[in-house]
C-alpha atoms as a PDB file:
ATOM      1  CA  UNK A   1       9.012 -84.347  63.604  1.00  0.00           C
ATOM      2  CA  UNK A   2       6.061 -85.607  61.541  1.00  0.00           C
ATOM      3  CA  UNK A   3       7.821 -88.891  60.907  1.00  0.00           C
ATOM      4  CA  UNK A   4       8.698 -89.391  64.585  1.00  0.00           C
ATOM      5  CA  UNK A   5       5.100 -88.768  65.626  1.00  0.00           C
ATOM      6  CA  UNK A   6       3.956 -91.200  62.962  1.00  0.00           C
ATOM      7  CA  UNK A   7       6.392 -93.853  64.177  1.00  0.00           C
ATOM      8  CA  UNK A   8       5.119 -93.490  67.737  1.00  0.00           C
ATOM      9  CA  UNK A   9       1.541 -93.815  66.481  1.00  0.00           C
ATOM     10  CA  UNK A  10       2.402 -96.956  64.493  1.00  0.00           C
ATOM     11  CA  UNK A  11       4.145 -98.505  67.482  1.00  0.00           C
ATOM     12  CA  UNK A  12       1.065 -97.921  69.639  1.00  0.00           C
ATOM     13  CA  UNK A  13      -1.196 -99.327  66.925  1.00  0.00           C
ATOM     14  CA  UNK A  14       0.863-102.504  66.518  1.00  0.00           C
ATOM     15  CA  UNK A  15       1.162-103.068  70.273  1.00  0.00           C
ATOM     16  CA  UNK A  16      -2.573-102.654  70.634  1.00  0.00           C
ATOM     17  CA  UNK A  17      -3.270-105.030  67.775  1.00  0.00           C
ATOM     18  CA  UNK A  18      -1.114-107.749  69.354  1.00  0.00           C
ATOM     19  CA  UNK A  19      -3.916-108.351  71.799  1.00  0.00           C
ATOM     20  CA  UNK A  20      -6.219-109.096  68.880  1.00  0.00           C
ATOM     21  CA  UNK A  21      -3.774-111.113  66.806  1.00  0.00           C
ATOM     22  CA  UNK A  22      -2.405-113.265  69.599  1.00  0.00           C
ATOM     23  CA  UNK A  23      -5.785-113.966  71.174  1.00  0.00           C
ATOM     24  CA  UNK A  24      -7.728-117.177  70.501  1.00  0.00           C
ATOM     25  CA  UNK A  25      -9.841-117.190  67.359  1.00  0.00           C
ATOM     26  CA  UNK A  26     -12.594-119.155  69.107  1.00  0.00           C
ATOM     27  CA  UNK A  27     -13.120-119.827  72.783  1.00  0.00           C
ATOM     28  CA  UNK A  28     -13.987-123.533  72.396  1.00  0.00           C
ATOM     29  CA  UNK A  29     -11.350-125.446  70.427  1.00  0.00           C
ATOM     30  CA  UNK A  30     -13.407-128.652  70.698  1.00  0.00           C
ATOM     31  CA  UNK A  31     -16.113-127.314  68.397  1.00  0.00           C
ATOM     32  CA  UNK A  32     -16.255-129.492  65.278  1.00  0.00           C
ATOM     33  CA  UNK A  33     -15.503-128.212  61.783  1.00  0.00           C
ATOM     34  CA  UNK A  34     -19.146-128.760  60.899  1.00  0.00           C
ATOM     35  CA  UNK A  35     -20.331-126.569  63.764  1.00  0.00           C
ATOM     36  CA  UNK A  36     -17.760-123.891  62.821  1.00  0.00           C
ATOM     37  CA  UNK A  37     -18.923-123.967  59.211  1.00  0.00           C
ATOM     38  CA  UNK A  38     -22.502-123.440  60.349  1.00  0.00           C
ATOM     39  CA  UNK A  39     -21.358-120.570  62.583  1.00  0.00           C
ATOM     40  CA  UNK A  40     -19.598-118.988  59.620  1.00  0.00           C
ATOM     41  CA  UNK A  41     -22.798-119.192  57.611  1.00  0.00           C
ATOM     42  CA  UNK A  42     -21.092-121.333  54.956  1.00  0.00           C
ATOM     43  CA  UNK A  43     -20.017-124.881  54.230  1.00  0.00           C
ATOM     44  CA  UNK A  44     -16.408-124.086  55.177  1.00  0.00           C
ATOM     45  CA  UNK A  45     -14.613-124.415  58.480  1.00  0.00           C
ATOM     46  CA  UNK A  46     -12.458-121.665  59.945  1.00  0.00           C
ATOM     47  CA  UNK A  47      -9.361-123.727  59.149  1.00  0.00           C
ATOM     48  CA  UNK A  48     -10.400-123.881  55.492  1.00  0.00           C
ATOM     49  CA  UNK A  49     -11.014-120.117  55.449  1.00  0.00           C
ATOM     50  CA  UNK A  50      -7.585-119.442  56.983  1.00  0.00           C
ATOM     51  CA  UNK A  51      -5.922-121.562  54.288  1.00  0.00           C
ATOM     52  CA  UNK A  52      -7.964-119.942  51.516  1.00  0.00           C
ATOM     53  CA  UNK A  53      -6.685-116.544  52.596  1.00  0.00           C
ATOM     54  CA  UNK A  54      -3.175-117.697  51.641  1.00  0.00           C
ATOM     55  CA  UNK A  55      -4.370-118.632  48.138  1.00  0.00           C
ATOM     56  CA  UNK A  56      -4.546-115.668  45.701  1.00  0.00           C
ATOM     57  CA  UNK A  57      -7.025-117.541  43.462  1.00  0.00           C
ATOM     58  CA  UNK A  58      -9.256-119.064  46.137  1.00  0.00           C
ATOM     59  CA  UNK A  59     -12.985-119.261  45.526  1.00  0.00           C
ATOM     60  CA  UNK A  60     -13.655-116.745  48.304  1.00  0.00           C
ATOM     61  CA  UNK A  61     -14.879-113.151  48.306  1.00  0.00           C
ATOM     62  CA  UNK A  62     -12.554-111.061  50.478  1.00  0.00           C
ATOM     63  CA  UNK A  63     -11.856-107.363  50.952  1.00  0.00           C
ATOM     64  CA  UNK A  64      -8.422-106.611  52.438  1.00  0.00           C
ATOM     65  CA  UNK A  65      -7.521-103.144  53.717  1.00  0.00           C
ATOM     66  CA  UNK A  66      -3.711-103.274  53.723  1.00  0.00           C
ATOM     67  CA  UNK A  67      -2.083-100.351  55.543  1.00  0.00           C
ATOM     68  CA  UNK A  68       1.616 -99.819  54.766  1.00  0.00           C
ATOM     69  CA  UNK A  69       4.042 -97.326  56.285  1.00  0.00           C
ATOM     70  CA  UNK A  70       7.526 -96.900  54.742  1.00  0.00           C
ATOM     71  CA  UNK A  71      10.311 -94.876  56.366  1.00  0.00           C
ATOM     72  CA  UNK A  72      13.712 -93.400  55.482  1.00  0.00           C
ATOM     73  CA  UNK A  73      12.770 -92.023  52.069  1.00  0.00           C
ATOM     74  CA  UNK A  74      14.998 -89.416  50.412  1.00  0.00           C
ATOM     75  CA  UNK A  75      17.263 -86.853  52.055  1.00  0.00           C
ATOM     76  CA  UNK A  76      14.616 -85.970  54.668  1.00  0.00           C
ATOM     77  CA  UNK A  77      13.998 -89.578  55.828  1.00  0.00           C
ATOM     78  CA  UNK A  78      10.402 -89.057  54.787  1.00  0.00           C
ATOM     79  CA  UNK A  79       7.449 -91.364  55.468  1.00  0.00           C
ATOM     80  CA  UNK A  80       4.930 -92.725  52.977  1.00  0.00           C
ATOM     81  CA  UNK A  81       1.586 -94.183  54.040  1.00  0.00           C
ATOM     82  CA  UNK A  82      -0.344 -96.327  51.576  1.00  0.00           C
ATOM     83  CA  UNK A  83      -3.615 -98.170  52.114  1.00  0.00           C
ATOM     84  CA  UNK A  84      -4.306-100.762  49.435  1.00  0.00           C
ATOM     85  CA  UNK A  85      -7.984-101.626  49.122  1.00  0.00           C
ATOM     86  CA  UNK A  86      -7.832-105.046  47.439  1.00  0.00           C
ATOM     87  CA  UNK A  87     -11.220-106.679  46.733  1.00  0.00           C
ATOM     88  CA  UNK A  88     -11.013-110.262  45.471  1.00  0.00           C
ATOM     89  CA  UNK A  89     -14.135-111.533  43.683  1.00  0.00           C
ATOM     90  CA  UNK A  90     -14.474-115.021  42.141  1.00  0.00           C
ATOM     91  CA  UNK A  91     -16.907-115.978  39.381  1.00  0.00           C
ATOM     92  CA  UNK A  92     -17.800-119.532  38.400  1.00  0.00           C
ATOM     93  CA  UNK A  93     -17.305-120.416  34.715  1.00  0.00           C
ATOM     94  CA  UNK A  94     -18.934-123.778  34.119  1.00  0.00           C
ATOM     95  CA  UNK A  95     -18.108-126.874  36.143  1.00  0.00           C
ATOM     96  CA  UNK A  96     -14.329-126.725  35.967  1.00  0.00           C
ATOM     97  CA  UNK A  97     -13.125-123.110  35.977  1.00  0.00           C
ATOM     98  CA  UNK A  98     -13.263-119.939  38.047  1.00  0.00           C
ATOM     99  CA  UNK A  99     -12.476-116.368  37.054  1.00  0.00           C
ATOM    100  CA  UNK A 100     -10.948-114.444  39.955  1.00  0.00           C
ATOM    101  CA  UNK A 101     -10.634-110.666  39.805  1.00  0.00           C
ATOM    102  CA  UNK A 102      -8.031-109.045  42.071  1.00  0.00           C
ATOM    103  CA  UNK A 103      -8.030-105.239  42.175  1.00  0.00           C
ATOM    104  CA  UNK A 104      -5.487-103.042  43.959  1.00  0.00           C
ATOM    105  CA  UNK A 105      -6.734 -99.518  44.665  1.00  0.00           C
ATOM    106  CA  UNK A 106      -3.910 -97.577  46.413  1.00  0.00           C
ATOM    107  CA  UNK A 107      -4.541 -94.426  48.448  1.00  0.00           C
ATOM    108  CA  UNK A 108      -1.316 -92.616  49.408  1.00  0.00           C
ATOM    109  CA  UNK A 109      -0.025 -89.889  51.686  1.00  0.00           C
ATOM    110  CA  UNK A 110       3.647 -89.167  50.986  1.00  0.00           C
ATOM    111  CA  UNK A 111       5.831 -86.699  52.836  1.00  0.00           C
ATOM    112  CA  UNK A 112       8.236 -84.759  50.636  1.00  0.00           C
ATOM    113  CA  UNK A 113      11.552 -86.631  50.219  1.00  0.00           C
ATOM    114  CA  UNK A 114      13.438 -83.339  49.781  1.00  0.00           C
ATOM    115  CA  UNK A 115      13.744 -80.296  52.043  1.00  0.00           C
ATOM    116  CA  UNK A 116      11.221 -77.602  51.209  1.00  0.00           C
ATOM    117  CA  UNK A 117       9.133 -79.962  49.093  1.00  0.00           C
ATOM    118  CA  UNK A 118       5.370 -80.427  49.242  1.00  0.00           C
ATOM    119  CA  UNK A 119       3.591 -83.473  50.667  1.00  0.00           C
ATOM    120  CA  UNK A 120       1.140 -85.200  48.334  1.00  0.00           C
ATOM    121  CA  UNK A 121      -1.996 -87.253  49.024  1.00  0.00           C
ATOM    122  CA  UNK A 122      -4.621 -89.002  46.961  1.00  0.00           C
ATOM    123  CA  UNK A 123      -5.548 -92.006  44.865  1.00  0.00           C
ATOM    124  CA  UNK A 124      -2.735 -93.643  42.880  1.00  0.00           C
ATOM    125  CA  UNK A 125      -2.946 -95.845  39.760  1.00  0.00           C
ATOM    126  CA  UNK A 126      -5.162 -98.954  39.923  1.00  0.00           C
ATOM    127  CA  UNK A 127      -3.858-102.412  38.992  1.00  0.00           C
ATOM    128  CA  UNK A 128      -6.423-105.115  38.171  1.00  0.00           C
ATOM    129  CA  UNK A 129      -5.723-108.798  37.515  1.00  0.00           C
ATOM    130  CA  UNK A 130      -7.975-111.475  36.003  1.00  0.00           C
ATOM    131  CA  UNK A 131      -7.062-115.097  36.794  1.00  0.00           C
ATOM    132  CA  UNK A 132      -8.600-118.072  35.005  1.00  0.00           C
ATOM    133  CA  UNK A 133      -8.129-120.916  37.469  1.00  0.00           C
ATOM    134  CA  UNK A 134      -9.139-124.608  37.459  1.00  0.00           C
ATOM    135  CA  UNK A 135     -11.510-125.356  40.324  1.00  0.00           C
ATOM    136  CA  UNK A 136      -9.512-128.461  41.231  1.00  0.00           C
ATOM    137  CA  UNK A 137      -5.722-128.536  41.707  1.00  0.00           C
ATOM    138  CA  UNK A 138      -3.721-129.934  38.798  1.00  0.00           C
ATOM    139  CA  UNK A 139      -1.330-132.611  40.024  1.00  0.00           C
ATOM    140  CA  UNK A 140      -1.681-131.165  43.527  1.00  0.00           C
ATOM    141  CA  UNK A 141      -0.826-127.631  42.367  1.00  0.00           C
ATOM    142  CA  UNK A 142      -3.165-124.626  42.469  1.00  0.00           C
ATOM    143  CA  UNK A 143      -2.731-122.461  39.401  1.00  0.00           C
ATOM    144  CA  UNK A 144      -4.187-119.517  37.562  1.00  0.00           C
ATOM    145  CA  UNK A 145      -3.257-117.173  34.737  1.00  0.00           C
ATOM    146  CA  UNK A 146      -4.686-114.284  32.763  1.00  0.00           C
ATOM    147  CA  UNK A 147      -4.227-110.586  31.942  1.00  0.00           C
ATOM    148  CA  UNK A 148      -3.280-107.709  34.239  1.00  0.00           C
ATOM    149  CA  UNK A 149      -4.068-104.047  33.547  1.00  0.00           C
ATOM    150  CA  UNK A 150      -2.697-100.713  34.755  1.00  0.00           C
ATOM    151  CA  UNK A 151      -5.138 -97.791  34.803  1.00  0.00           C
ATOM    152  CA  UNK A 152      -3.891 -94.148  35.106  1.00  0.00           C
ATOM    153  CA  UNK A 153      -6.512 -93.382  37.749  1.00  0.00           C
ATOM    154  CA  UNK A 154      -4.508 -91.206  40.141  1.00  0.00           C
ATOM    155  CA  UNK A 155      -6.011 -88.031  41.547  1.00  0.00           C
ATOM    156  CA  UNK A 156      -2.627 -86.249  41.433  1.00  0.00           C
ATOM    157  CA  UNK A 157      -0.034 -86.366  38.637  1.00  0.00           C
ATOM    158  CA  UNK A 158       2.725 -86.930  41.221  1.00  0.00           C
ATOM    159  CA  UNK A 159       1.091 -90.236  42.193  1.00  0.00           C
ATOM    160  CA  UNK A 160       0.653 -91.535  38.643  1.00  0.00           C
ATOM    161  CA  UNK A 161       2.705 -93.043  35.848  1.00  0.00           C
ATOM    162  CA  UNK A 162       0.189 -91.398  33.470  1.00  0.00           C
ATOM    163  CA  UNK A 163       0.249 -94.576  31.382  1.00  0.00           C
ATOM    164  CA  UNK A 164      -2.140 -97.330  30.355  1.00  0.00           C
ATOM    165  CA  UNK A 165      -0.526-100.742  30.711  1.00  0.00           C
ATOM    166  CA  UNK A 166      -1.232-104.442  30.260  1.00  0.00           C
ATOM    167  CA  UNK A 167       0.491-107.801  30.401  1.00  0.00           C
ATOM    168  CA  UNK A 168       0.313-111.386  31.684  1.00  0.00           C
ATOM    169  CA  UNK A 169      -0.080-112.560  35.259  1.00  0.00           C
ATOM    170  CA  UNK A 170       0.151-116.048  36.770  1.00  0.00           C
ATOM    171  CA  UNK A 171       0.161-117.863  40.087  1.00  0.00           C
ATOM    172  CA  UNK A 172       1.377-121.355  41.006  1.00  0.00           C
ATOM    173  CA  UNK A 173       1.245-122.677  44.554  1.00  0.00           C
ATOM    174  CA  UNK A 174       0.742-125.747  46.710  1.00  0.00           C
ATOM    175  CA  UNK A 175      -0.983-126.206  50.063  1.00  0.00           C
ATOM    176  CA  UNK A 176      -0.200-129.173  52.305  1.00  0.00           C
ATOM    177  CA  UNK A 177      -0.434-129.795  56.070  1.00  0.00           C
ATOM    178  CA  UNK A 178      -0.824-126.086  56.875  1.00  0.00           C
ATOM    179  CA  UNK A 179       1.969-124.983  54.529  1.00  0.00           C
ATOM    180  CA  UNK A 180       1.459-122.731  51.508  1.00  0.00           C
ATOM    181  CA  UNK A 181       4.308-122.119  49.070  1.00  0.00           C
ATOM    182  CA  UNK A 182       4.497-120.831  45.517  1.00  0.00           C
ATOM    183  CA  UNK A 183       4.899-117.789  43.308  1.00  0.00           C
ATOM    184  CA  UNK A 184       2.695-114.922  42.094  1.00  0.00           C
ATOM    185  CA  UNK A 185       4.011-112.856  39.188  1.00  0.00           C
ATOM    186  CA  UNK A 186       3.064-110.361  36.502  1.00  0.00           C
ATOM    187  CA  UNK A 187       4.620-108.151  33.873  1.00  0.00           C
ATOM    188  CA  UNK A 188       3.191-104.798  32.746  1.00  0.00           C
ATOM    189  CA  UNK A 189       4.120-102.857  29.612  1.00  0.00           C
ATOM    190  CA  UNK A 190       2.620 -99.448  28.878  1.00  0.00           C
ATOM    191  CA  UNK A 191       0.912 -98.992  25.510  1.00  0.00           C
ATOM    192  CA  UNK A 192      -0.641 -95.523  25.768  1.00  0.00           C
ATOM    193  CA  UNK A 193      -0.643 -92.414  27.912  1.00  0.00           C
ATOM    194  CA  UNK A 194       1.164 -89.117  28.343  1.00  0.00           C
ATOM    195  CA  UNK A 195       4.030 -89.051  25.851  1.00  0.00           C
ATOM    196  CA  UNK A 196       6.289 -86.955  28.086  1.00  0.00           C
ATOM    197  CA  UNK A 197       6.248 -89.606  30.826  1.00  0.00           C
ATOM    198  CA  UNK A 198       8.651 -92.550  30.897  1.00  0.00           C
ATOM    199  CA  UNK A 199       7.207 -95.817  29.590  1.00  0.00           C
ATOM    200  CA  UNK A 200       6.306 -98.557  32.073  1.00  0.00           C
ATOM    201  CA  UNK A 201       8.076-101.908  31.792  1.00  0.00           C
ATOM    202  CA  UNK A 202       7.949-103.716  35.132  1.00  0.00           C
ATOM    203  CA  UNK A 203       8.085-107.318  36.328  1.00  0.00           C
ATOM    204  CA  UNK A 204       6.564-108.220  39.701  1.00  0.00           C
ATOM    205  CA  UNK A 205       7.632-111.392  41.556  1.00  0.00           C
ATOM    206  CA  UNK A 206       6.144-112.514  44.868  1.00  0.00           C
ATOM    207  CA  UNK A 207       7.505-115.793  46.287  1.00  0.00           C
ATOM    208  CA  UNK A 208       5.047-117.020  48.935  1.00  0.00           C
ATOM    209  CA  UNK A 209       5.773-119.081  52.052  1.00  0.00           C
ATOM    210  CA  UNK A 210       3.393-119.395  54.991  1.00  0.00           C
ATOM    211  CA  UNK A 211       2.275-121.784  57.707  1.00  0.00           C
ATOM    212  CA  UNK A 212      -1.222-121.825  59.222  1.00  0.00           C
ATOM    213  CA  UNK A 213      -1.732-123.404  62.650  1.00  0.00           C
ATOM    214  CA  UNK A 214      -4.806-125.243  63.911  1.00  0.00           C
ATOM    215  CA  UNK A 215      -5.744-122.105  65.856  1.00  0.00           C
ATOM    216  CA  UNK A 216      -5.949-120.178  62.537  1.00  0.00           C
ATOM    217  CA  UNK A 217      -2.751-118.193  63.103  1.00  0.00           C
ATOM    218  CA  UNK A 218      -0.639-117.751  59.966  1.00  0.00           C
ATOM    219  CA  UNK A 219       3.065-116.933  59.875  1.00  0.00           C
ATOM    220  CA  UNK A 220       4.162-115.600  56.498  1.00  0.00           C
ATOM    221  CA  UNK A 221       7.316-114.652  54.638  1.00  0.00           C
ATOM    222  CA  UNK A 222       7.375-113.148  51.146  1.00  0.00           C
ATOM    223  CA  UNK A 223       9.094-110.682  48.884  1.00  0.00           C
ATOM    224  CA  UNK A 224       7.034-108.258  46.780  1.00  0.00           C
ATOM    225  CA  UNK A 225       9.854-107.575  44.322  1.00  0.00           C
ATOM    226  CA  UNK A 226       9.652-105.365  41.242  1.00  0.00           C
ATOM    227  CA  UNK A 227      12.206-105.054  38.446  1.00  0.00           C
ATOM    228  CA  UNK A 228      12.047-101.775  36.487  1.00  0.00           C
ATOM    229  CA  UNK A 229      13.344-102.597  33.000  1.00  0.00           C
ATOM    230  CA  UNK A 230      13.429 -98.922  31.982  1.00  0.00           C
ATOM    231  CA  UNK A 231      15.938 -98.088  34.728  1.00  0.00           C
ATOM    232  CA  UNK A 232      17.488-101.556  35.295  1.00  0.00           C
ATOM    233  CA  UNK A 233      16.562-101.358  38.982  1.00  0.00           C
ATOM    234  CA  UNK A 234      15.237-103.850  41.547  1.00  0.00           C
ATOM    235  CA  UNK A 235      13.042-102.877  44.482  1.00  0.00           C
ATOM    236  CA  UNK A 236      12.986-105.789  46.949  1.00  0.00           C
ATOM    237  CA  UNK A 237      11.020-105.522  50.194  1.00  0.00           C
ATOM    238  CA  UNK A 238      11.150-108.679  52.346  1.00  0.00           C
ATOM    239  CA  UNK A 239       8.006-109.002  54.484  1.00  0.00           C
ATOM    240  CA  UNK A 240       7.510-111.044  57.661  1.00  0.00           C
ATOM    241  CA  UNK A 241       3.920-111.175  58.933  1.00  0.00           C
ATOM    242  CA  UNK A 242       1.657-112.863  61.472  1.00  0.00           C
ATOM    243  CA  UNK A 243      -2.094-113.100  60.899  1.00  0.00           C
ATOM    244  CA  UNK A 244      -5.040-114.269  62.981  1.00  0.00           C
ATOM    245  CA  UNK A 245      -8.506-115.249  61.789  1.00  0.00           C
ATOM    246  CA  UNK A 246     -11.239-114.265  64.259  1.00  0.00           C
ATOM    247  CA  UNK A 247     -14.977-113.827  64.206  1.00  0.00           C
ATOM    248  CA  UNK A 248     -16.685-110.530  65.082  1.00  0.00           C
ATOM    249  CA  UNK A 249     -20.266-111.562  65.620  1.00  0.00           C
ATOM    250  CA  UNK A 250     -20.939-113.656  62.512  1.00  0.00           C
ATOM    251  CA  UNK A 251     -18.347-111.829  60.387  1.00  0.00           C
ATOM    252  CA  UNK A 252     -15.035-113.668  59.776  1.00  0.00           C
ATOM    253  CA  UNK A 253     -12.145-111.189  59.841  1.00  0.00           C
ATOM    254  CA  UNK A 254      -8.397-111.615  59.587  1.00  0.00           C
ATOM    255  CA  UNK A 255      -5.981-109.208  61.287  1.00  0.00           C
ATOM    256  CA  UNK A 256      -2.352-109.030  60.184  1.00  0.00           C
ATOM    257  CA  UNK A 257       0.748-107.229  61.441  1.00  0.00           C
ATOM    258  CA  UNK A 258       4.223-107.307  59.967  1.00  0.00           C
ATOM    259  CA  UNK A 259       7.457-105.580  59.149  1.00  0.00           C
ATOM    260  CA  UNK A 260       9.700-105.336  56.118  1.00  0.00           C
ATOM    261  CA  UNK A 261      13.248-104.498  55.144  1.00  0.00           C
ATOM    262  CA  UNK A 262      14.545-103.360  51.737  1.00  0.00           C
ATOM    263  CA  UNK A 263      17.820-105.173  50.896  1.00  0.00           C
ATOM    264  CA  UNK A 264      17.624-103.726  47.363  1.00  0.00           C
ATOM    265  CA  UNK A 265      16.108-100.379  46.411  1.00  0.00           C
ATOM    266  CA  UNK A 266      16.601 -97.296  44.199  1.00  0.00           C
ATOM    267  CA  UNK A 267      18.614 -94.361  45.514  1.00  0.00           C
ATOM    268  CA  UNK A 268      16.448 -92.523  48.020  1.00  0.00           C
ATOM    269  CA  UNK A 269      14.090 -95.472  48.453  1.00  0.00           C
ATOM    270  CA  UNK A 270      12.605 -96.577  51.755  1.00  0.00           C
ATOM    271  CA  UNK A 271      14.803 -98.394  54.276  1.00  0.00           C
ATOM    272  CA  UNK A 272      12.093-100.241  56.216  1.00  0.00           C
ATOM    273  CA  UNK A 273       8.378-100.373  56.819  1.00  0.00           C
ATOM    274  CA  UNK A 274       5.481-101.855  58.777  1.00  0.00           C
ATOM    275  CA  UNK A 275       2.094-103.284  57.798  1.00  0.00           C
ATOM    276  CA  UNK A 276      -1.284-103.609  59.496  1.00  0.00           C
ATOM    277  CA  UNK A 277      -4.058-105.238  57.483  1.00  0.00           C
ATOM    278  CA  UNK A 278      -7.700-106.087  58.077  1.00  0.00           C
ATOM    279  CA  UNK A 279      -9.450-108.518  55.716  1.00  0.00           C
ATOM    280  CA  UNK A 280     -13.215-109.002  55.620  1.00  0.00           C
ATOM    281  CA  UNK A 281     -14.347-112.453  54.412  1.00  0.00           C
ATOM    282  CA  UNK A 282     -17.637-113.298  52.738  1.00  0.00           C
ATOM    283  CA  UNK A 283     -17.756-117.113  52.420  1.00  0.00           C
ATOM    284  CA  UNK A 284     -20.469-118.570  50.231  1.00  0.00           C
END
């Protein structure tokens, strides 16, 4: 019953958001890029901001609030809700390099996947990445690399791996004529933590493909795949999304809706899910 009510709520939320996402970003499409940049309070046009949002190592401060609902978990077809708060903060290092920090702070409510079980809610483990990225593309390619860290920050043991972890992360992508395509990846190995918990050894792969129109609408397709080396198991959600950059007063904001399907998953894993995200932009 809880899951059905949640599904009805999500359907209403997504239908309501379609009015926002499908609406025009700006009333006057004849406004020049220079005028739009002035309206944004920066030297960047709305088209440039929309493209930067598809670049994980862009020189742009952004704060996404990514709401995810997954369904069909366990024997009870349980639901899990997760909001990822994902601030992205760039720092200039000299004339040629940027350091971009990307932090994922997940807050979860999970229904019990077994009959008679107890639901659990709270903060899960934080993942933080540090990308060293050339300010200019190299041979037309945008790239960045650095370390990634796993912090056992969860408020409930059921939401935590109870391990400290670290490893490498990298991104390689290209942007041309509205298209963005590339790959974001990392690998995390645990090195400390609760000895009774299974070690963490996980590879994350996110192929990226998106197209941004001249009205700042972005259509995206990706897979946020994870391979668990400890259990020899893939989890592969395929996401299809549509995003729209708008301006609320002087604040640029992107709204996103989407759905996903799991062609590969562990036993008892989610069958499908939906996403609704809001990203606040703070152009320089």
